PDB file of N, CA and C in Angstrom:
ATOM      1  N   MET A   1      26.667 -12.210  41.747  1.00  0.00           N
ATOM      2  CA  MET A   1      24.964 -12.505  42.089  1.00  0.00           C
ATOM      3  C   MET A   1      24.861 -10.623  41.223  1.00  0.00           C
ATOM      4  N   ASP A   2      25.203  -9.680  41.780  1.00  0.00           N
ATOM      5  CA  ASP A   2      24.456  -8.442  41.031  1.00  0.00           C
ATOM      6  C   ASP A   2      24.668  -8.577  39.617  1.00  0.00           C
ATOM      7  N   ASP A   3      25.834  -9.105  38.658  1.00  0.00           N
ATOM      8  CA  ASP A   3      25.717  -9.175  36.918  1.00  0.00           C
ATOM      9  C   ASP A   3      24.576  -9.933  36.500  1.00  0.00           C
ATOM     10  N   LYS A   4      24.283 -11.311  37.399  1.00  0.00           N
ATOM     11  CA  LYS A   4      23.226 -11.573  36.886  1.00  0.00           C
ATOM     12  C   LYS A   4      21.501 -11.083  36.897  1.00  0.00           C
ATOM     13  N   LYS A   5      21.625 -10.902  38.034  1.00  0.00           N
ATOM     14  CA  LYS A   5      20.445  -9.340  38.669  1.00  0.00           C
ATOM     15  C   LYS A   5      20.290  -8.747  37.492  1.00  0.00           C
ATOM     16  N   LYS A   6      20.984  -7.956  37.015  1.00  0.00           N
ATOM     17  CA  LYS A   6      21.101  -7.296  35.702  1.00  0.00           C
ATOM     18  C   LYS A   6      20.899  -7.737  34.848  1.00  0.00           C
ATOM     19  N   VAL A   7      21.475  -8.546  34.157  1.00  0.00           N
ATOM     20  CA  VAL A   7      21.289  -9.302  33.100  1.00  0.00           C
ATOM     21  C   VAL A   7      19.926  -9.383  32.918  1.00  0.00           C
ATOM     22  N   LEU A   8      18.921 -10.116  33.837  1.00  0.00           N
ATOM     23  CA  LEU A   8      18.002 -10.901  34.208  1.00  0.00           C
ATOM     24  C   LEU A   8      16.903  -9.346  33.577  1.00  0.00           C
ATOM     25  N   GLU A   9      17.211  -8.261  34.680  1.00  0.00           N
ATOM     26  CA  GLU A   9      16.558  -7.268  34.479  1.00  0.00           C
ATOM     27  C   GLU A   9      16.430  -6.610  33.562  1.00  0.00           C
ATOM     28  N   SER A  10      17.528  -6.610  32.695  1.00  0.00           N
ATOM     29  CA  SER A  10      17.506  -6.019  31.156  1.00  0.00           C
ATOM     30  C   SER A  10      17.302  -7.026  30.388  1.00  0.00           C
ATOM     31  N   LEU A  11      16.766  -8.316  30.267  1.00  0.00           N
ATOM     32  CA  LEU A  11      16.050  -9.349  29.386  1.00  0.00           C
ATOM     33  C   LEU A  11      14.615  -8.766  29.822  1.00  0.00           C
ATOM     34  N   ILE A  12      14.417  -8.927  30.960  1.00  0.00           N
ATOM     35  CA  ILE A  12      12.743  -8.612  31.359  1.00  0.00           C
ATOM     36  C   ILE A  12      12.525  -7.378  30.613  1.00  0.00           C
ATOM     37  N   GLN A  13      13.009  -6.195  30.792  1.00  0.00           N
ATOM     38  CA  GLN A  13      12.967  -4.928  30.114  1.00  0.00           C
ATOM     39  C   GLN A  13      12.743  -4.938  28.365  1.00  0.00           C
ATOM     40  N   ARG A  14      13.833  -5.922  27.891  1.00  0.00           N
ATOM     41  CA  ARG A  14      13.382  -6.137  26.218  1.00  0.00           C
ATOM     42  C   ARG A  14      12.285  -6.998  25.921  1.00  0.00           C
ATOM     43  N   ARG A  15      11.965  -7.811  27.274  1.00  0.00           N
ATOM     44  CA  ARG A  15      10.718  -8.386  26.962  1.00  0.00           C
ATOM     45  C   ARG A  15       9.428  -7.833  26.790  1.00  0.00           C
ATOM     46  N   ASP A  16       9.563  -7.064  27.950  1.00  0.00           N
ATOM     47  CA  ASP A  16       8.503  -5.888  27.981  1.00  0.00           C
ATOM     48  C   ASP A  16       8.288  -5.323  26.677  1.00  0.00           C
ATOM     49  N   ALA A  17       9.222  -4.379  26.786  1.00  0.00           N
ATOM     50  CA  ALA A  17       9.549  -3.674  25.736  1.00  0.00           C
ATOM     51  C   ALA A  17       9.108  -4.279  24.208  1.00  0.00           C
ATOM     52  N   THR A  18       9.180  -5.461  23.930  1.00  0.00           N
ATOM     53  CA  THR A  18       8.666  -6.181  22.800  1.00  0.00           C
ATOM     54  C   THR A  18       7.210  -6.686  23.027  1.00  0.00           C
ATOM     55  N   LYS A  19       6.849  -6.866  24.061  1.00  0.00           N
ATOM     56  CA  LYS A  19       5.760  -7.537  24.132  1.00  0.00           C
ATOM     57  C   LYS A  19       4.645  -5.629  23.868  1.00  0.00           C
ATOM     58  N   ALA A  20       5.151  -4.811  24.274  1.00  0.00           N
ATOM     59  CA  ALA A  20       4.340  -3.399  24.101  1.00  0.00           C
ATOM     60  C   ALA A  20       4.122  -3.034  22.623  1.00  0.00           C
ATOM     61  N   LYS A  21       5.501  -3.286  21.574  1.00  0.00           N
ATOM     62  CA  LYS A  21       5.458  -3.371  20.513  1.00  0.00           C
ATOM     63  C   LYS A  21       4.788  -4.062  19.708  1.00  0.00           C
ATOM     64  N   VAL A  22       4.620  -5.404  20.252  1.00  0.00           N
ATOM     65  CA  VAL A  22       3.277  -6.287  19.341  1.00  0.00           C
ATOM     66  C   VAL A  22       1.936  -6.202  19.797  1.00  0.00           C
ATOM     67  N   SER A  23       1.687  -5.026  20.760  1.00  0.00           N
ATOM     68  CA  SER A  23       0.593  -4.625  21.014  1.00  0.00           C
ATOM     69  C   SER A  23       0.302  -3.558  20.155  1.00  0.00           C
ATOM     70  N   ARG A  24       1.007  -2.789  19.949  1.00  0.00           N
ATOM     71  CA  ARG A  24       0.883  -1.234  19.276  1.00  0.00           C
ATOM     72  C   ARG A  24       0.675  -1.827  17.672  1.00  0.00           C
ATOM     73  N   ILE A  25       1.427  -3.002  17.491  1.00  0.00           N
ATOM     74  CA  ILE A  25       1.448  -3.363  15.382  1.00  0.00           C
ATOM     75  C   ILE A  25      -0.020  -4.080  15.467  1.00  0.00           C
ATOM     76  N   GLU A  26      -0.235  -5.088  17.145  1.00  0.00           N
ATOM     77  CA  GLU A  26      -1.899  -5.557  17.017  1.00  0.00           C
ATOM     78  C   GLU A  26      -2.839  -4.527  16.774  1.00  0.00           C
ATOM     79  N   GLY A  27      -2.645  -3.537  17.531  1.00  0.00           N
ATOM     80  CA  GLY A  27      -3.585  -2.301  17.368  1.00  0.00           C
ATOM     81  C   GLY A  27      -3.737  -1.751  16.156  1.00  0.00           C
ATOM     82  N   ARG A  28      -2.615  -1.456  15.141  1.00  0.00           N
ATOM     83  CA  ARG A  28      -2.854  -0.918  13.823  1.00  0.00           C
ATOM     84  C   ARG A  28      -2.992  -2.189  13.022  1.00  0.00           C
ATOM     85  N   LEU A  29      -2.697  -3.283  12.884  1.00  0.00           N
ATOM     86  CA  LEU A  29      -3.432  -4.192  12.210  1.00  0.00           C
ATOM     87  C   LEU A  29      -5.033  -4.190  12.378  1.00  0.00           C
ATOM     88  N   ASP A  30      -5.615  -4.299  13.596  1.00  0.00           N
ATOM     89  CA  ASP A  30      -6.881  -4.158  13.724  1.00  0.00           C
ATOM     90  C   ASP A  30      -7.962  -2.934  13.401  1.00  0.00           C
ATOM     91  N   SER A  31      -6.785  -2.018  13.325  1.00  0.00           N
ATOM     92  CA  SER A  31      -7.381  -0.589  12.756  1.00  0.00           C
ATOM     93  C   SER A  31      -6.888  -0.453  11.129  1.00  0.00           C
ATOM     94  N   ALA A  32      -6.053  -1.435  10.854  1.00  0.00           N
ATOM     95  CA  ALA A  32      -6.180  -1.749   8.707  1.00  0.00           C
ATOM     96  C   ALA A  32      -7.595  -2.493   8.328  1.00  0.00           C
ATOM     97  N   ARG A  33      -7.748  -3.629   9.555  1.00  0.00           N
ATOM     98  CA  ARG A  33      -8.664  -4.330   8.745  1.00  0.00           C
ATOM     99  C   ARG A  33      -9.882  -3.781   9.094  1.00  0.00           C
ATOM    100  N   GLN A  34     -10.230  -2.984   9.960  1.00  0.00           N
ATOM    101  CA  GLN A  34     -11.718  -2.329   9.927  1.00  0.00           C
ATOM    102  C   GLN A  34     -11.735  -1.258   8.882  1.00  0.00           C
ATOM    103  N   ASP A  35     -10.727  -0.754   8.573  1.00  0.00           N
ATOM    104  CA  ASP A  35     -10.486   0.029   7.426  1.00  0.00           C
ATOM    105  C   ASP A  35     -10.722  -0.194   5.784  1.00  0.00           C
ATOM    106  N   LEU A  36     -10.054  -1.404   5.916  1.00  0.00           N
ATOM    107  CA  LEU A  36     -10.533  -2.347   4.527  1.00  0.00           C
ATOM    108  C   LEU A  36     -11.704  -2.766   4.524  1.00  0.00           C
ATOM    109  N   ALA A  37     -12.527  -3.290   5.817  1.00  0.00           N
ATOM    110  CA  ALA A  37     -13.842  -3.710   5.830  1.00  0.00           C
ATOM    111  C   ALA A  37     -14.894  -2.417   4.838  1.00  0.00           C
ATOM    112  N   THR A  38     -14.557  -1.312   5.904  1.00  0.00           N
ATOM    113  CA  THR A  38     -15.195  -0.182   5.293  1.00  0.00           C
ATOM    114  C   THR A  38     -15.112   0.329   4.083  1.00  0.00           C
ATOM    115  N   VAL A  39     -14.026   0.200   3.465  1.00  0.00           N
ATOM    116  CA  VAL A  39     -13.743   0.306   1.914  1.00  0.00           C
ATOM    117  C   VAL A  39     -14.050  -0.622   1.152  1.00  0.00           C
ATOM    118  N   GLU A  40     -14.174  -1.983   1.517  1.00  0.00           N
ATOM    119  CA  GLU A  40     -14.793  -3.005   0.775  1.00  0.00           C
ATOM    120  C   GLU A  40     -16.451  -2.622   0.573  1.00  0.00           C
ATOM    121  N   ALA A  41     -16.984  -2.496   2.027  1.00  0.00           N
ATOM    122  CA  ALA A  41     -18.379  -1.875   2.142  1.00  0.00           C
ATOM    123  C   ALA A  41     -18.760  -0.974   0.838  1.00  0.00           C
ATOM    124  N   ASP A  42     -18.283   0.044   1.117  1.00  0.00           N
ATOM    125  CA  ASP A  42     -18.172   1.125   0.117  1.00  0.00           C
ATOM    126  C   ASP A  42     -18.456   0.538  -1.072  1.00  0.00           C
ATOM    127  N   CYS A  43     -17.453  -0.064  -1.691  1.00  0.00           N
ATOM    128  CA  CYS A  43     -16.812  -0.553  -3.012  1.00  0.00           C
ATOM    129  C   CYS A  43     -18.330  -1.262  -3.330  1.00  0.00           C
ATOM    130  N   LYS A  44     -18.920  -2.111  -2.338  1.00  0.00           N
ATOM    131  CA  LYS A  44     -20.167  -2.753  -2.647  1.00  0.00           C
ATOM    132  C   LYS A  44     -21.513  -2.221  -2.790  1.00  0.00           C
ATOM    133  N   LYS A  45     -21.400  -1.169  -2.086  1.00  0.00           N
ATOM    134  CA  LYS A  45     -22.547  -0.128  -1.935  1.00  0.00           C
ATOM    135  C   LYS A  45     -22.313   0.579  -3.789  1.00  0.00           C
ATOM    136  N   LYS A  46     -21.809   0.520  -4.366  1.00  0.00           N
ATOM    137  CA  LYS A  46     -21.256   1.395  -5.100  1.00  0.00           C
ATOM    138  C   LYS A  46     -21.721  -0.141  -6.434  1.00  0.00           C
ATOM    139  N   LYS A  47     -21.525  -0.949  -6.135  1.00  0.00           N
ATOM    140  CA  LYS A  47     -21.644  -1.653  -7.013  1.00  0.00           C
ATOM    141  C   LYS A  47     -20.201  -2.247  -7.682  1.00  0.00           C
ATOM    142  N   LEU A  48     -19.608  -2.193  -6.969  1.00  0.00           N
ATOM    143  CA  LEU A  48     -17.695  -2.472  -7.517  1.00  0.00           C
ATOM    144  C   LEU A  48     -17.038  -3.472  -6.737  1.00  0.00           C
ATOM    145  N   ASP A  49     -16.408  -4.157  -7.573  1.00  0.00           N
ATOM    146  CA  ASP A  49     -15.728  -5.747  -6.814  1.00  0.00           C
ATOM    147  C   ASP A  49     -14.641  -5.241  -6.238  1.00  0.00           C
ATOM    148  N   PRO A  50     -14.850  -5.441  -5.362  1.00  0.00           N
ATOM    149  CA  PRO A  50     -13.483  -4.939  -4.328  1.00  0.00           C
ATOM    150  C   PRO A  50     -12.275  -5.840  -4.738  1.00  0.00           C
ATOM    151  N   LYS A  51     -12.144  -6.829  -4.908  1.00  0.00           N
ATOM    152  CA  LYS A  51     -11.009  -7.579  -5.617  1.00  0.00           C
ATOM    153  C   LYS A  51     -10.611  -7.391  -7.140  1.00  0.00           C
ATOM    154  N   ASP A  52     -11.430  -6.576  -7.667  1.00  0.00           N
ATOM    155  CA  ASP A  52     -11.676  -6.420  -8.814  1.00  0.00           C
ATOM    156  C   ASP A  52     -11.216  -4.593  -9.227  1.00  0.00           C
ATOM    157  N   LEU A  53     -10.630  -4.004  -8.190  1.00  0.00           N
ATOM    158  CA  LEU A  53     -10.854  -2.215  -8.436  1.00  0.00           C
ATOM    159  C   LEU A  53      -9.621  -1.595  -9.439  1.00  0.00           C
ATOM    160  N   GLU A  54      -8.454  -2.485  -9.818  1.00  0.00           N
ATOM    161  CA  GLU A  54      -7.258  -2.325 -10.271  1.00  0.00           C
ATOM    162  C   GLU A  54      -8.443  -2.173 -12.197  1.00  0.00           C
ATOM    163  N   ASN A  55      -8.921  -3.148 -12.397  1.00  0.00           N
ATOM    164  CA  ASN A  55      -9.603  -3.360 -13.602  1.00  0.00           C
ATOM    165  C   ASN A  55     -10.633  -1.797 -13.938  1.00  0.00           C
ATOM    166  N   THR A  56     -11.334  -1.946 -12.779  1.00  0.00           N
ATOM    167  CA  THR A  56     -12.354  -0.831 -12.738  1.00  0.00           C
ATOM    168  C   THR A  56     -11.795   0.459 -12.827  1.00  0.00           C
ATOM    169  N   ILE A  57     -10.812   0.861 -12.176  1.00  0.00           N
ATOM    170  CA  ILE A  57      -9.772   1.798 -12.767  1.00  0.00           C
ATOM    171  C   ILE A  57      -9.119   2.401 -13.609  1.00  0.00           C
ATOM    172  N   MET A  58      -8.670   1.307 -13.963  1.00  0.00           N
ATOM    173  CA  MET A  58      -8.630   1.297 -15.852  1.00  0.00           C
ATOM    174  C   MET A  58      -9.807   1.596 -16.639  1.00  0.00           C
ATOM    175  N   LYS A  59     -10.593   1.173 -16.694  1.00  0.00           N
ATOM    176  CA  LYS A  59     -11.804   1.201 -17.346  1.00  0.00           C
ATOM    177  C   LYS A  59     -12.317   2.888 -17.474  1.00  0.00           C
ATOM    178  N   LEU A  60     -12.619   3.103 -15.984  1.00  0.00           N
ATOM    179  CA  LEU A  60     -12.643   4.781 -15.796  1.00  0.00           C
ATOM    180  C   LEU A  60     -11.553   5.427 -16.197  1.00  0.00           C
ATOM    181  N   GLU A  61     -10.107   5.376 -16.245  1.00  0.00           N
ATOM    182  CA  GLU A  61      -9.724   5.884 -17.080  1.00  0.00           C
ATOM    183  C   GLU A  61      -9.186   5.732 -18.309  1.00  0.00           C
ATOM    184  N   THR A  62      -9.832   5.136 -18.946  1.00  0.00           N
ATOM    185  CA  THR A  62      -9.818   5.041 -20.171  1.00  0.00           C
ATOM    186  C   THR A  62     -11.056   5.600 -20.993  1.00  0.00           C
ATOM    187  N   LYS A  63     -11.823   5.760 -20.032  1.00  0.00           N
ATOM    188  CA  LYS A  63     -13.400   6.356 -20.185  1.00  0.00           C
ATOM    189  C   LYS A  63     -13.085   7.927 -19.915  1.00  0.00           C
ATOM    190  N   PHE A  64     -12.261   8.485 -18.857  1.00  0.00           N
ATOM    191  CA  PHE A  64     -11.987   9.304 -19.141  1.00  0.00           C
ATOM    192  C   PHE A  64     -11.120  10.203 -19.999  1.00  0.00           C
ATOM    193  N   ASN A  65     -10.086   9.506 -19.998  1.00  0.00           N
ATOM    194  CA  ASN A  65      -9.348   9.673 -21.470  1.00  0.00           C
ATOM    195  C   ASN A  65     -10.339  10.361 -23.009  1.00  0.00           C
ATOM    196  N   GLN A  66     -11.006   9.345 -22.836  1.00  0.00           N
ATOM    197  CA  GLN A  66     -12.017   9.476 -24.100  1.00  0.00           C
ATOM    198  C   GLN A  66     -12.887  10.594 -24.443  1.00  0.00           C
ATOM    199  N   GLU A  67     -13.247  10.553 -22.878  1.00  0.00           N
ATOM    200  CA  GLU A  67     -14.251  12.231 -23.027  1.00  0.00           C
ATOM    201  C   GLU A  67     -13.762  13.180 -22.845  1.00  0.00           C
ATOM    202  N   ALA A  68     -12.342  13.295 -22.255  1.00  0.00           N
ATOM    203  CA  ALA A  68     -11.322  14.371 -22.401  1.00  0.00           C
ATOM    204  C   ALA A  68     -11.134  14.581 -23.725  1.00  0.00           C
ATOM    205  N   ALA A  69     -10.744  13.666 -24.802  1.00  0.00           N
ATOM    206  CA  ALA A  69     -10.650  13.803 -25.912  1.00  0.00           C
ATOM    207  C   ALA A  69     -11.668  14.281 -26.848  1.00  0.00           C
ATOM    208  N   SER A  70     -12.749  13.828 -26.247  1.00  0.00           N
ATOM    209  CA  SER A  70     -14.111  14.613 -27.037  1.00  0.00           C
ATOM    210  C   SER A  70     -13.873  16.002 -26.624  1.00  0.00           C
ATOM    211  N   LEU A  71     -14.051  16.361 -25.504  1.00  0.00           N
ATOM    212  CA  LEU A  71     -14.826  17.547 -25.108  1.00  0.00           C
ATOM    213  C   LEU A  71     -13.679  18.946 -25.459  1.00  0.00           C
ATOM    214  N   ASP A  72     -12.298  18.080 -25.853  1.00  0.00           N
ATOM    215  CA  ASP A  72     -10.851  18.775 -26.215  1.00  0.00           C
ATOM    216  C   ASP A  72     -11.228  19.218 -27.901  1.00  0.00           C
ATOM    217  N   LYS A  73     -11.863  18.232 -28.847  1.00  0.00           N
ATOM    218  CA  LYS A  73     -12.336  18.602 -29.881  1.00  0.00           C
ATOM    219  C   LYS A  73     -13.489  19.487 -29.816  1.00  0.00           C
ATOM    220  N   SER A  74     -14.364  19.433 -29.418  1.00  0.00           N
ATOM    221  CA  SER A  74     -15.659  19.933 -29.352  1.00  0.00           C
ATOM    222  C   SER A  74     -15.173  21.661 -28.968  1.00  0.00           C
ATOM    223  N   ILE A  75     -14.217  21.717 -27.991  1.00  0.00           N
ATOM    224  CA  ILE A  75     -14.016  23.033 -27.392  1.00  0.00           C
ATOM    225  C   ILE A  75     -13.070  23.873 -28.463  1.00  0.00           C
ATOM    226  N   GLN A  76     -12.336  23.096 -29.396  1.00  0.00           N
ATOM    227  CA  GLN A  76     -11.191  23.487 -30.373  1.00  0.00           C
ATOM    228  C   GLN A  76     -12.229  23.687 -31.404  1.00  0.00           C
ATOM    229  N   LYS A  77     -13.651  23.087 -31.868  1.00  0.00           N
ATOM    230  CA  LYS A  77     -14.397  23.325 -32.686  1.00  0.00           C
ATOM    231  C   LYS A  77     -14.883  24.728 -32.810  1.00  0.00           C
ATOM    232  N   ALA A  78     -15.430  25.079 -31.296  1.00  0.00           N
ATOM    233  CA  ALA A  78     -15.738  26.045 -31.214  1.00  0.00           C
ATOM    234  C   ALA A  78     -14.740  27.142 -31.351  1.00  0.00           C
ATOM    235  N   GLU A  79     -13.876  27.045 -30.376  1.00  0.00           N
ATOM    236  CA  GLU A  79     -12.941  28.248 -30.958  1.00  0.00           C
ATOM    237  C   GLU A  79     -12.295  28.486 -32.083  1.00  0.00           C
ATOM    238  N   ASP A  80     -12.345  28.055 -33.029  1.00  0.00           N
ATOM    239  CA  ASP A  80     -12.413  27.501 -34.352  1.00  0.00           C
ATOM    240  C   ASP A  80     -13.648  28.295 -35.021  1.00  0.00           C
ATOM    241  N   SER A  81     -14.922  27.760 -34.684  1.00  0.00           N
ATOM    242  CA  SER A  81     -15.625  28.644 -35.229  1.00  0.00           C
ATOM    243  C   SER A  81     -15.854  30.223 -34.870  1.00  0.00           C
ATOM    244  N   VAL A  82     -15.437  30.750 -33.806  1.00  0.00           N
ATOM    245  CA  VAL A  82     -15.295  31.749 -32.853  1.00  0.00           C
ATOM    246  C   VAL A  82     -14.185  32.780 -33.332  1.00  0.00           C
ATOM    247  N   THR A  83     -13.367  31.819 -34.047  1.00  0.00           N
ATOM    248  CA  THR A  83     -11.838  32.872 -34.377  1.00  0.00           C
ATOM    249  C   THR A  83     -12.292  34.134 -35.635  1.00  0.00           C
ATOM    250  N   PRO A  84     -12.881  33.527 -36.491  1.00  0.00           N
ATOM    251  CA  PRO A  84     -13.105  34.731 -37.508  1.00  0.00           C
ATOM    252  C   PRO A  84     -13.875  35.833 -36.942  1.00  0.00           C
ATOM    253  N   PHE A  85     -14.707  36.287 -36.030  1.00  0.00           N
ATOM    254  CA  PHE A  85     -15.366  37.033 -35.730  1.00  0.00           C
ATOM    255  C   PHE A  85     -14.455  37.997 -34.944  1.00  0.00           C
ATOM    256  N   LEU A  86     -13.581  37.569 -34.529  1.00  0.00           N
ATOM    257  CA  LEU A  86     -12.535  37.857 -33.638  1.00  0.00           C
ATOM    258  C   LEU A  86     -11.733  38.890 -34.419  1.00  0.00           C
ATOM    259  N   GLU A  87     -10.991  38.249 -35.460  1.00  0.00           N
ATOM    260  CA  GLU A  87     -10.116  38.937 -35.906  1.00  0.00           C
ATOM    261  C   GLU A  87     -10.830  40.657 -36.759  1.00  0.00           C
ATOM    262  N   GLU A  88      -9.647  41.175 -36.720  1.00  0.00           N
ATOM    263  CA  GLU A  88     -10.100  42.505 -37.138  1.00  0.00           C
ATOM    264  C   GLU A  88      -9.650  43.212 -38.603  1.00  0.00           C
TER     265      GLU A  88
END
């Protein structure tokens, strides 16, 4: 009888541990859902489609690269203009 009782107690402990794990996972899932809702709301406030963020990011990266190249050209031009006055 002791063996059966030990087996049953072990199974009950495993069941309870699994329930606790499921409860923690559910809590993390709820937190993730709330975070997602917050991010989606922030996107909508900024007039961005949360489902199209990848495309928006690509557009912004392209625009950044264009502007950085333009700034680089302007700086290079300014450096070239100043260089003759620095030569001795």
